[in-house]
Protein backbone atom coordinates (compact mmCIF):
# COMPACT_ATOMS: atom_id res chain seq x y z
CA MET A 1 0.00 0.00 0.00
CA ASN A 2 1.17 3.51 -0.77
CA ALA A 3 2.90 5.15 2.24
CA ARG A 4 1.17 8.47 1.47
CA ILE A 5 -2.18 6.73 2.14
CA THR A 6 -1.00 4.75 5.18
CA LEU A 7 0.35 7.70 7.17
CA PRO A 8 -2.88 9.77 7.20
CA LEU A 9 -4.83 6.66 8.13
CA LEU A 10 -2.41 5.98 10.96
CA LEU A 11 -2.65 9.54 12.23
CA SER A 12 -6.46 9.38 12.13
CA ALA A 13 -6.43 6.19 14.15
CA VAL A 14 -4.12 7.73 16.76
CA LEU A 15 -6.30 10.83 17.06
CA PHE A 16 -9.45 8.73 17.40
CA LEU A 17 -7.94 6.60 20.15
CA SER A 18 -6.64 9.69 21.94
CA PHE A 19 -10.11 11.28 21.85
CA LYS A 20 -11.71 8.06 23.09
CA CYS A 21 -9.30 7.77 26.01
CA THR A 22 -9.92 11.39 26.99
CA ARG A 23 -13.68 10.85 26.96
CA ASN A 24 -13.43 7.71 29.07
CA LYS A 25 -11.89 9.71 31.89
CA GLY A 26 -15.28 11.32 32.55
CA GLU A 27 -14.22 14.95 33.10
CA GLY A 28 -13.42 15.20 29.40
CA ASP A 29 -16.88 14.04 28.33
CA SER A 30 -18.72 16.56 26.21
CA PRO A 31 -22.15 17.49 27.65
CA ALA A 32 -23.50 16.82 24.14
CA THR A 33 -22.69 13.12 24.47
CA ALA A 34 -22.85 12.51 28.24
CA THR A 35 -26.03 11.07 29.72
CA ILE A 36 -27.23 11.72 33.25
CA GLU A 37 -28.29 8.84 35.49
CA TYR A 38 -30.30 9.59 38.61
CA TRP A 39 -31.68 8.12 41.82
CA VAL A 40 -34.80 9.32 43.65
CA THR A 41 -36.24 9.16 47.16
CA LYS A 42 -39.76 10.54 47.59
CA GLY A 43 -41.25 11.80 50.81
CA ASP A 44 -44.18 9.39 50.52
CA GLN A 45 -41.68 6.48 50.19
CA THR A 46 -43.04 5.31 46.82
CA ALA A 47 -39.39 5.49 45.73
CA THR A 48 -36.44 5.07 48.09
CA LEU A 49 -32.94 5.53 46.66
CA GLN A 50 -34.39 4.14 43.45
CA LYS A 51 -32.42 4.30 40.21
CA GLN A 52 -34.59 5.60 37.41
CA ALA A 53 -34.78 3.70 34.12
CA ALA A 54 -34.68 6.87 32.07
CA THR A 55 -31.60 9.01 31.58
CA LEU A 56 -31.27 12.71 30.78
CA ALA A 57 -29.38 14.11 27.81
CA PHE A 58 -27.67 17.48 27.40
CA GLY A 59 -28.85 19.74 24.61
CA THR A 60 -29.44 23.37 23.62
CA THR A 61 -33.19 23.59 23.13
CA ALA A 62 -34.36 26.83 24.73
CA ASN A 63 -36.88 26.86 27.60
CA ASN A 64 -38.02 29.13 30.39
CA TYR A 65 -36.90 26.95 33.33
CA SER A 66 -34.45 28.14 35.95
CA SER A 67 -30.94 26.76 35.61
CA ILE A 68 -28.49 25.21 38.02
CA GLU A 69 -25.11 26.01 36.49
CA ILE A 70 -22.25 23.71 37.41
CA ASP A 71 -18.66 24.81 36.93
CA SER A 72 -16.13 22.06 37.62
CA ALA A 73 -13.23 24.50 37.21
CA VAL A 74 -14.22 26.27 40.45
CA LYS A 75 -13.31 23.95 43.32
CA TYR A 76 -13.90 24.22 47.05
CA GLN A 77 -13.19 21.73 49.86
CA SER A 78 -12.25 18.08 49.53
CA ILE A 79 -14.65 15.54 50.99
CA ASP A 80 -13.62 13.01 53.66
CA GLY A 81 -16.93 11.16 53.82
CA PHE A 82 -20.53 10.70 54.92
CA GLY A 83 -21.86 8.49 57.68
CA TYR A 84 -23.04 8.06 61.25
CA THR A 85 -21.96 7.56 64.82
CA LEU A 86 -21.50 3.89 65.62
CA THR A 87 -22.70 4.30 69.20
CA GLY A 88 -22.09 1.61 71.80
CA GLY A 89 -25.78 0.76 71.62
CA SER A 90 -25.65 0.49 67.83
CA ALA A 91 -22.70 -1.91 68.05
CA TRP A 92 -24.48 -3.98 70.73
CA LEU A 93 -27.60 -4.36 68.58
CA ILE A 94 -25.63 -5.23 65.45
CA ASN A 95 -23.38 -7.69 67.24
CA LYS A 96 -26.40 -9.61 68.61
CA MET A 97 -27.69 -10.34 65.09
CA ASP A 98 -27.10 -13.77 63.59
CA ALA A 99 -23.91 -13.95 61.52
CA SER A 100 -25.61 -13.93 58.11
CA SER A 101 -27.92 -11.00 58.89
CA LYS A 102 -25.09 -9.02 60.44
CA ALA A 103 -22.82 -9.56 57.43
CA SER A 104 -25.60 -8.55 55.05
CA LEU A 105 -26.42 -5.39 57.01
CA LEU A 106 -22.81 -4.27 57.28
CA LYS A 107 -22.21 -4.88 53.58
CA ASP A 108 -25.29 -2.81 52.73
CA PHE A 109 -24.06 0.12 54.81
CA PHE A 110 -20.32 0.02 54.21
CA SER A 111 -19.51 -1.61 50.89
CA PRO A 112 -18.54 1.00 48.27
CA THR A 113 -19.65 -1.35 45.49
CA GLU A 114 -22.55 -3.35 46.97
CA GLY A 115 -24.06 -0.90 49.45
CA ILE A 116 -24.39 2.81 50.17
CA GLY A 117 -20.66 3.12 50.84
CA VAL A 118 -20.62 4.86 54.23
CA SER A 119 -17.11 6.32 54.37
CA TYR A 120 -16.86 8.04 57.77
CA LEU A 121 -17.77 6.93 61.29
CA ARG A 122 -17.77 8.65 64.64
CA VAL A 123 -17.41 6.59 67.83
CA SER A 124 -17.56 7.60 71.47
CA ILE A 125 -14.42 7.60 73.61
CA GLY A 126 -15.92 5.75 76.56
CA ALA A 127 -19.70 5.79 76.78
CA SER A 128 -22.09 8.13 75.01
CA ASP A 129 -25.69 8.59 76.10
CA LEU A 130 -26.59 5.86 73.59
CA SER A 131 -24.56 3.22 75.38
CA ASN A 132 -26.13 0.56 77.60
CA ALA A 133 -24.42 2.04 80.66
CA VAL A 134 -22.08 4.87 81.63
CA PHE A 135 -18.38 3.97 81.67
CA SER A 136 -14.92 5.34 80.97
CA TYR A 137 -11.67 3.49 80.34
CA ASN A 138 -10.43 4.24 83.85
CA ASP A 139 -13.27 3.82 86.34
CA LEU A 140 -12.18 3.65 89.97
CA PRO A 141 -13.79 3.34 93.40
CA ALA A 142 -14.80 6.67 94.93
CA GLY A 143 -11.84 8.57 96.34
CA GLN A 144 -9.19 6.85 94.23
CA THR A 145 -7.07 8.32 91.44
CA ASP A 146 -4.74 6.81 88.84
CA LEU A 147 -2.29 9.48 87.71
CA THR A 148 -0.27 7.04 85.59
CA LEU A 149 -3.41 5.54 84.03
CA SER A 150 -2.09 2.09 84.93
CA GLN A 151 -5.66 0.77 85.05
CA PHE A 152 -6.64 2.15 81.62
CA SER A 153 -8.58 -0.50 79.69
CA LEU A 154 -10.64 -0.76 76.50
CA SER A 155 -12.31 -3.90 77.90
CA GLN A 156 -15.88 -2.62 77.58
CA ASP A 157 -15.35 -1.76 73.92
CA THR A 158 -13.88 -5.19 73.14
CA VAL A 159 -17.27 -6.87 73.67
CA ASP A 160 -19.25 -5.23 70.82
CA LEU A 161 -17.77 -2.01 69.42
CA ILE A 162 -14.33 -3.24 68.40
CA PRO A 163 -15.58 -6.53 66.86
CA VAL A 164 -18.13 -4.62 64.76
CA LEU A 165 -15.52 -2.03 63.74
CA LYS A 166 -13.21 -4.83 62.61
CA GLN A 167 -15.97 -6.31 60.45
CA ILE A 168 -16.60 -2.86 58.96
CA LEU A 169 -12.89 -2.38 58.25
CA ALA A 170 -12.81 -5.75 56.51
CA ILE A 171 -15.51 -4.43 54.15
CA ASN A 172 -14.02 -0.95 53.75
CA PRO A 173 -10.41 -0.67 54.99
CA ASN A 174 -10.31 3.02 54.02
CA ILE A 175 -13.16 4.21 56.23
CA LYS A 176 -12.16 7.12 58.49
CA ILE A 177 -12.99 7.06 62.20
CA MET A 178 -13.40 10.01 64.57
CA GLY A 179 -13.48 9.57 68.35
CA SER A 180 -15.43 11.90 70.66
CA PRO A 181 -15.59 11.81 74.50
CA TRP A 182 -18.81 12.53 76.38
CA SER A 183 -17.01 12.57 79.75
CA PRO A 184 -13.61 11.77 81.20
CA PRO A 185 -13.36 9.40 84.20
CA VAL A 186 -15.40 10.97 87.01
CA TRP A 187 -12.40 11.12 89.35
CA MET A 188 -10.93 13.78 87.05
CA LYS A 189 -14.01 16.03 87.35
CA ASP A 190 -14.83 18.73 89.87
CA ASN A 191 -18.30 17.30 90.64
CA GLY A 192 -17.36 13.60 90.75
CA SER A 193 -20.29 12.78 88.44
CA SER A 194 -20.75 11.51 84.91
CA VAL A 195 -23.27 14.33 84.35
CA GLY A 196 -21.93 17.85 83.85
CA GLY A 197 -19.05 19.25 85.86
CA SER A 198 -15.66 20.30 84.53
CA LEU A 199 -12.19 18.79 84.22
CA LYS A 200 -10.03 19.68 87.19
CA PRO A 201 -6.97 21.68 86.08
CA GLU A 202 -4.64 19.36 88.00
CA TYR A 203 -5.75 16.51 85.72
CA TYR A 204 -5.30 18.27 82.37
CA SER A 205 -2.01 16.47 81.66
CA VAL A 206 -3.39 13.13 82.82
CA TYR A 207 -6.43 13.50 80.59
CA ALA A 208 -4.18 14.37 77.64
CA GLN A 209 -2.41 11.04 78.23
CA TYR A 210 -5.84 9.36 78.37
CA PHE A 211 -6.36 10.42 74.75
CA VAL A 212 -2.88 9.17 73.85
CA LYS A 213 -3.55 5.80 75.46
CA TYR A 214 -6.90 5.51 73.69
CA ILE A 215 -5.42 6.17 70.25
CA GLN A 216 -2.53 3.78 70.89
CA ALA A 217 -4.78 1.05 72.31
CA MET A 218 -7.13 1.26 69.33
CA ALA A 219 -4.15 1.14 66.96
CA ALA A 220 -2.99 -2.01 68.72
CA LYS A 221 -6.41 -3.50 67.84
CA GLY A 222 -5.89 -2.57 64.19
CA ILE A 223 -8.14 0.52 64.32
CA THR A 224 -6.77 3.89 63.24
CA ILE A 225 -8.41 6.91 64.83
CA ASP A 226 -8.13 9.61 62.17
CA ALA A 227 -9.42 12.46 64.35
CA VAL A 228 -10.68 13.20 67.86
CA THR A 229 -12.84 15.99 69.14
CA VAL A 230 -11.86 17.36 72.54
CA GLN A 231 -15.37 17.17 74.02
CA ASN A 232 -18.82 16.34 72.67
CA GLU A 233 -21.16 19.30 73.17
CA PRO A 234 -18.99 21.16 75.70
CA GLN A 235 -21.75 23.65 76.51
CA HIS A 236 -24.38 21.01 77.34
CA GLY A 237 -23.86 19.60 80.81
CA GLY A 238 -27.25 17.96 81.26
CA ASN A 239 -26.68 14.75 79.32
CA ASN A 240 -25.52 11.47 80.85
CA PRO A 241 -22.58 11.36 80.35
CA SER A 242 -21.45 14.92 79.65
CA MET A 243 -18.96 17.61 80.67
CA VAL A 244 -18.86 21.39 80.41
CA MET A 245 -15.76 23.01 78.94
CA SER A 246 -15.38 26.71 78.16
CA ALA A 247 -13.48 27.96 75.13
CA ALA A 248 -10.71 29.24 77.41
CA GLN A 249 -10.47 25.85 79.12
CA GLN A 250 -10.38 24.03 75.78
CA ALA A 251 -7.66 26.34 74.46
CA ASP A 252 -5.60 25.83 77.63
CA PHE A 253 -6.03 22.06 77.48
CA ILE A 254 -4.97 21.87 73.83
CA LYS A 255 -2.01 24.23 73.79
CA ASN A 256 -0.47 23.22 77.11
CA HIS A 257 -1.38 19.54 77.39
CA MET A 258 -3.12 17.65 74.58
CA GLY A 259 -1.19 19.11 71.65
CA PRO A 260 2.25 18.66 73.24
CA ALA A 261 1.30 15.15 74.43
CA PHE A 262 0.34 14.12 70.88
CA ARG A 263 3.54 15.62 69.50
CA THR A 264 5.73 13.87 72.07
CA ALA A 265 4.00 10.53 71.43
CA GLY A 266 4.31 10.93 67.66
CA ILE A 267 0.54 10.82 67.20
CA ASN A 268 -0.84 12.19 63.93
CA THR A 269 -4.52 11.94 64.90
CA LYS A 270 -6.22 15.25 64.11
CA ILE A 271 -7.47 17.42 66.99
CA VAL A 272 -10.89 18.95 66.30
CA ILE A 273 -12.53 21.54 68.55
CA TRP A 274 -16.08 22.59 69.50
CA ASP A 275 -18.28 19.62 68.34
CA HIS A 276 -21.45 21.51 69.24
CA ASN A 277 -24.14 23.71 67.73
CA CYS A 278 -23.98 26.32 64.98
CA ASN A 279 -25.33 28.97 67.38
CA ASN A 280 -21.91 29.72 68.87
CA PRO A 281 -19.25 30.09 66.15
CA ASN A 282 -17.28 32.43 68.42
CA TYR A 283 -16.30 29.46 70.58
CA PRO A 284 -14.09 27.80 67.93
CA ILE A 285 -13.01 31.15 66.48
CA SER A 286 -11.73 32.34 69.86
CA ILE A 287 -9.66 29.17 70.27
CA LEU A 288 -8.25 29.42 66.74
CA ASP A 289 -7.40 33.08 67.42
CA ASP A 290 -4.82 31.77 69.94
CA PRO A 291 -1.73 30.85 67.84
CA ALA A 292 -0.36 28.60 70.58
CA ALA A 293 -3.52 26.47 70.45
CA LYS A 294 -4.13 26.80 66.72
CA GLN A 295 -0.88 25.08 65.78
CA TYR A 296 -2.24 21.78 67.11
CA ILE A 297 -5.79 22.07 65.72
CA ASP A 298 -7.02 20.58 62.44
CA GLY A 299 -10.47 22.18 62.51
CA SER A 300 -13.88 22.62 64.12
CA ALA A 301 -16.96 20.37 64.30
CA PHE A 302 -20.63 21.32 64.38
CA HIS A 303 -24.15 20.08 65.19
CA LEU A 304 -27.38 21.88 64.26
CA TYR A 305 -29.79 21.56 67.16
CA GLU A 306 -29.52 25.34 67.46
CA GLY A 307 -28.32 28.06 65.10
CA GLU A 308 -28.01 28.22 61.31
CA ILE A 309 -25.78 26.09 59.11
CA GLY A 310 -24.28 29.22 57.54
CA ALA A 311 -22.33 29.82 60.77
CA MET A 312 -19.81 27.28 59.51
CA SER A 313 -18.86 29.66 56.70
CA GLY A 314 -18.20 32.36 59.29
CA VAL A 315 -15.63 30.12 60.97
CA HIS A 316 -14.11 29.32 57.58
CA ALA A 317 -13.86 33.03 56.77
CA ALA A 318 -12.08 33.71 60.06
CA HIS A 319 -9.67 30.77 59.67
CA PRO A 320 -9.73 29.48 56.07
CA ASP A 321 -6.67 27.31 56.71
CA LYS A 322 -8.59 25.07 59.13
CA ASN A 323 -11.05 22.32 58.25
CA LEU A 324 -14.74 22.04 59.13
CA TYR A 325 -16.75 18.93 60.04
CA PHE A 326 -20.46 18.32 60.54
CA THR A 327 -20.56 15.52 63.12
CA GLU A 328 -24.09 14.97 64.45
CA GLN A 329 -27.80 15.44 63.83
CA TRP A 330 -30.50 13.09 65.06
CA THR A 331 -33.79 11.97 63.58
CA GLY A 332 -36.39 11.42 66.28
CA ALA A 333 -39.16 9.06 67.23
CA ASN A 334 -41.82 11.64 66.38
CA GLY A 335 -40.36 12.89 63.10
CA SER A 336 -41.99 12.24 59.73
CA PHE A 337 -40.15 10.57 56.86
CA ASP A 338 -40.83 13.39 54.40
CA GLY A 339 -40.11 16.19 56.86
CA ASP A 340 -36.84 14.68 58.06
CA LEU A 341 -35.79 13.75 54.52
CA LYS A 342 -36.14 17.33 53.29
CA TRP A 343 -34.77 19.14 56.35
CA HIS A 344 -31.72 16.94 56.77
CA MET A 345 -30.85 16.90 53.08
CA LYS A 346 -31.19 20.69 52.93
CA ASN A 347 -29.18 21.38 56.10
CA VAL A 348 -27.04 18.40 57.12
CA ILE A 349 -25.93 17.21 53.67
CA ILE A 350 -26.30 20.07 51.18
CA GLY A 351 -26.10 22.83 53.79
CA SER A 352 -22.94 21.62 55.50
CA MET A 353 -21.25 20.92 52.17
CA ARG A 354 -22.06 24.40 50.83
CA ASN A 355 -20.57 25.80 54.05
CA TRP A 356 -17.17 24.11 53.75
CA SER A 357 -17.66 20.87 55.68
CA ARG A 358 -15.51 17.89 54.73
CA VAL A 359 -17.88 15.48 56.48
CA ALA A 360 -21.63 15.12 57.03
CA LEU A 361 -22.74 12.69 59.72
CA GLU A 362 -26.15 11.70 60.99
CA TRP A 363 -26.39 10.51 64.61
CA ASN A 364 -26.88 6.89 65.67
CA LEU A 365 -26.53 4.06 63.21
CA ALA A 366 -28.97 1.71 64.96
CA SER A 367 -31.69 1.57 67.60
CA ASP A 368 -34.28 -1.01 68.62
CA PRO A 369 -38.07 -0.54 68.18
CA SER A 370 -38.22 1.26 71.57
CA PHE A 371 -35.34 3.63 70.64
CA ASP A 372 -33.04 1.84 73.06
CA PRO A 373 -30.43 1.33 74.31
CA HIS A 374 -29.49 4.52 76.13
CA THR A 375 -28.06 5.47 79.49
CA PRO A 376 -30.29 6.62 82.38
CA GLY A 377 -31.13 10.17 81.31
CA GLY A 378 -29.78 9.64 77.78
CA CYS A 379 -31.73 10.24 74.58
CA SER A 380 -34.95 8.20 74.61
CA GLU A 381 -36.20 9.27 71.16
CA CYS A 382 -33.12 8.96 68.93
CA LYS A 383 -34.01 6.91 65.86
CA GLY A 384 -31.23 4.94 64.22
CA ALA A 385 -30.61 4.77 60.48
CA VAL A 386 -31.79 1.20 60.97
CA THR A 387 -34.18 -0.33 63.51
CA ILE A 388 -32.97 -3.73 64.68
CA SER A 389 -35.30 -6.25 66.27
CA GLY A 390 -33.41 -9.47 66.89
CA SER A 391 -31.85 -10.17 63.50
CA VAL A 392 -34.41 -8.20 61.49
CA ALA A 393 -33.31 -4.76 60.28
CA SER A 394 -35.54 -2.09 58.76
CA ARG A 395 -34.14 1.07 57.15
CA ASN A 396 -35.23 4.48 58.39
CA VAL A 397 -35.03 7.95 56.88
CA SER A 398 -31.40 8.70 57.77
CA TYR A 399 -30.30 5.63 55.79
CA TYR A 400 -31.59 7.40 52.67
CA ILE A 401 -30.37 10.86 53.74
CA VAL A 402 -26.79 9.60 53.98
CA GLY A 403 -27.17 7.09 51.14
CA HIS A 404 -27.97 9.79 48.58
CA ALA A 405 -24.52 11.27 49.25
CA ALA A 406 -22.27 8.41 50.41
CA LYS A 407 -23.18 6.07 47.56
CA PHE A 408 -22.18 8.56 44.88
CA ILE A 409 -19.60 10.92 46.43
CA PRO A 410 -16.50 8.95 47.50
CA PRO A 411 -13.71 10.36 49.68
CA GLY A 412 -11.41 12.55 47.66
CA SER A 413 -14.26 14.15 45.75
CA VAL A 414 -14.29 17.95 45.66
CA ARG A 415 -17.24 20.29 45.94
CA ILE A 416 -17.52 22.43 42.83
CA GLU A 417 -19.41 25.58 41.94
CA SER A 418 -23.17 25.39 41.52
CA ASN A 419 -25.56 28.31 41.86
CA ASN A 420 -28.52 28.18 44.23
CA GLY A 421 -30.77 30.40 42.10
CA THR A 422 -33.69 27.99 41.74
CA SER A 423 -36.49 26.78 44.00
CA VAL A 424 -34.49 23.65 44.86
CA GLN A 425 -31.40 23.39 47.08
CA ASN A 426 -28.32 21.78 45.59
CA ALA A 427 -24.65 20.93 45.92
CA ALA A 428 -22.32 19.66 43.19
CA PHE A 429 -19.17 17.55 43.32
CA LEU A 430 -16.36 16.34 41.09
CA ARG A 431 -15.34 12.76 41.85
CA PRO A 432 -11.80 11.35 41.56
CA ASP A 433 -12.94 9.39 38.48
CA GLY A 434 -14.00 12.64 36.76
CA LYS A 435 -17.75 12.14 37.06
CA LYS A 436 -19.93 14.95 38.33
CA VAL A 437 -22.58 14.52 41.03
CA LEU A 438 -25.46 16.90 41.77
CA LEU A 439 -27.60 16.56 44.90
CA LEU A 440 -31.02 18.22 44.86
CA VAL A 441 -33.88 18.51 47.32
CA ASN A 442 -37.31 19.80 46.33
CA GLU A 443 -39.09 21.00 49.47
CA ASN A 444 -42.21 21.96 47.51
CA GLY A 445 -45.21 19.67 47.26
CA ALA A 446 -45.35 20.08 43.48
CA ALA A 447 -42.83 18.83 40.93
CA VAL A 448 -40.34 21.37 39.57
CA ASN A 449 -38.50 21.53 36.24
CA VAL A 450 -34.96 22.88 36.25
CA ASN A 451 -32.08 22.91 33.79
CA ILE A 452 -28.88 21.15 34.81
CA LYS A 453 -26.44 23.32 32.89
CA TYR A 454 -22.84 22.29 32.28
CA LYS A 455 -20.30 23.55 29.74
CA GLY A 456 -22.83 25.51 27.71
CA LYS A 457 -25.46 22.80 27.36
CA TRP A 458 -28.31 21.73 29.61
CA ALA A 459 -30.61 18.87 30.48
CA VAL A 460 -34.15 19.35 31.78
CA ALA A 461 -34.72 17.61 35.10
CA ASN A 462 -38.19 17.06 36.52
CA ILE A 463 -37.84 16.86 40.30
CA PRO A 464 -40.84 15.31 42.07
CA GLY A 465 -42.40 17.19 44.96
CA ASN A 466 -41.03 16.44 48.45
CA ALA A 467 -38.16 14.48 46.92
CA VAL A 468 -34.39 14.12 46.97
CA VAL A 469 -32.53 13.31 43.75
CA THR A 470 -28.89 12.48 43.03
CA TYR A 471 -27.72 13.00 39.44
CA ILE A 472 -24.45 11.67 38.05
CA TRP A 473 -22.73 12.09 34.67
């Protein structure tokens, strides 16, 4: 064959293959050829995280609908994950299930390929109020102290929590775990009680070593603690267990005790402050304003039982070099599926993401039909993502709230620009594989049409009333 014919053919083949490879990376896909898949959960539960048979196509046909414009060139924070708190009570309920049911449940929650792909977990350091009983890792008879922590023991966690965590890690070895204390050992507190009170200054250094021992003991069990918060809800002393800690006390503890103790021990676990409501952003800001404390701090964590989610952006503006986490919001016994679905998607998932959070966590993973277990005085209405009765598990609303994000937005994804100029709330993400994800919630009772606009083309999306939709292309 003539070489003058062969060479152009060869060049054409190379160009075609190059174009094909670029398109297969996802981010290089032209909106004209990409199709949008989507999953829907409706408030009336006629669809729950249901993949739709139809797909959407990008085009340029004019219409009068509002547009959500996505710009993947404008990037914001990276995402660490979505998930729950694996409370002591949750672990106890899961661990009592028969082996087959337990394995199936854990795969459904934690498998990135066969489940919803939960990628972040919070656990309590010692008991939370959703444990069967109050305990710490260094409980002593009244009047005794243990300054060397020689009697420190994870024994209570080895019964249920650690075995369940190990099964989860076998399913998803990359899951990140945050630890949060509800109370230190009562002998360290000024009121000698698991409820309220404050940490005695003379025990600041001992309590810093308590954190060190916890992280090291969990590591010895094969469990890496990626981050710890200093105190769960430090301005709420009425829970059982709980402890009150002012911003000045937390700053003192971190800069003079906890931070140096971690550094000396060679611990890389992140230190996260606040871990309480959005109504008091000045608490974390005041701590971060102290350079001696700030050097040890990774970021701040938030709940939304009071305040507005936008407060997180105020903390980001004051200290943009520090991370933000959304670590807890409960669904309750008296909540409605549709009401909780819309509120939590708007605030906990979309709201926290649009306000710089790297993480969005719902509260307890599991409860029984009576919303147990809990400590005396602990939350008696906290509804798990799953209700477990014996070995039978039924999914509740927070399974779908988290599932709409965790299943489609893996760790390492980045939030990207998307305008909020329509009647639906949204957040958009660019995944490591180049695909784009758009989360939408329609709080209106009626369906809404909007344009999903990307790179100069758009697709018309019909969003059912009282529904959450995840789009991916």
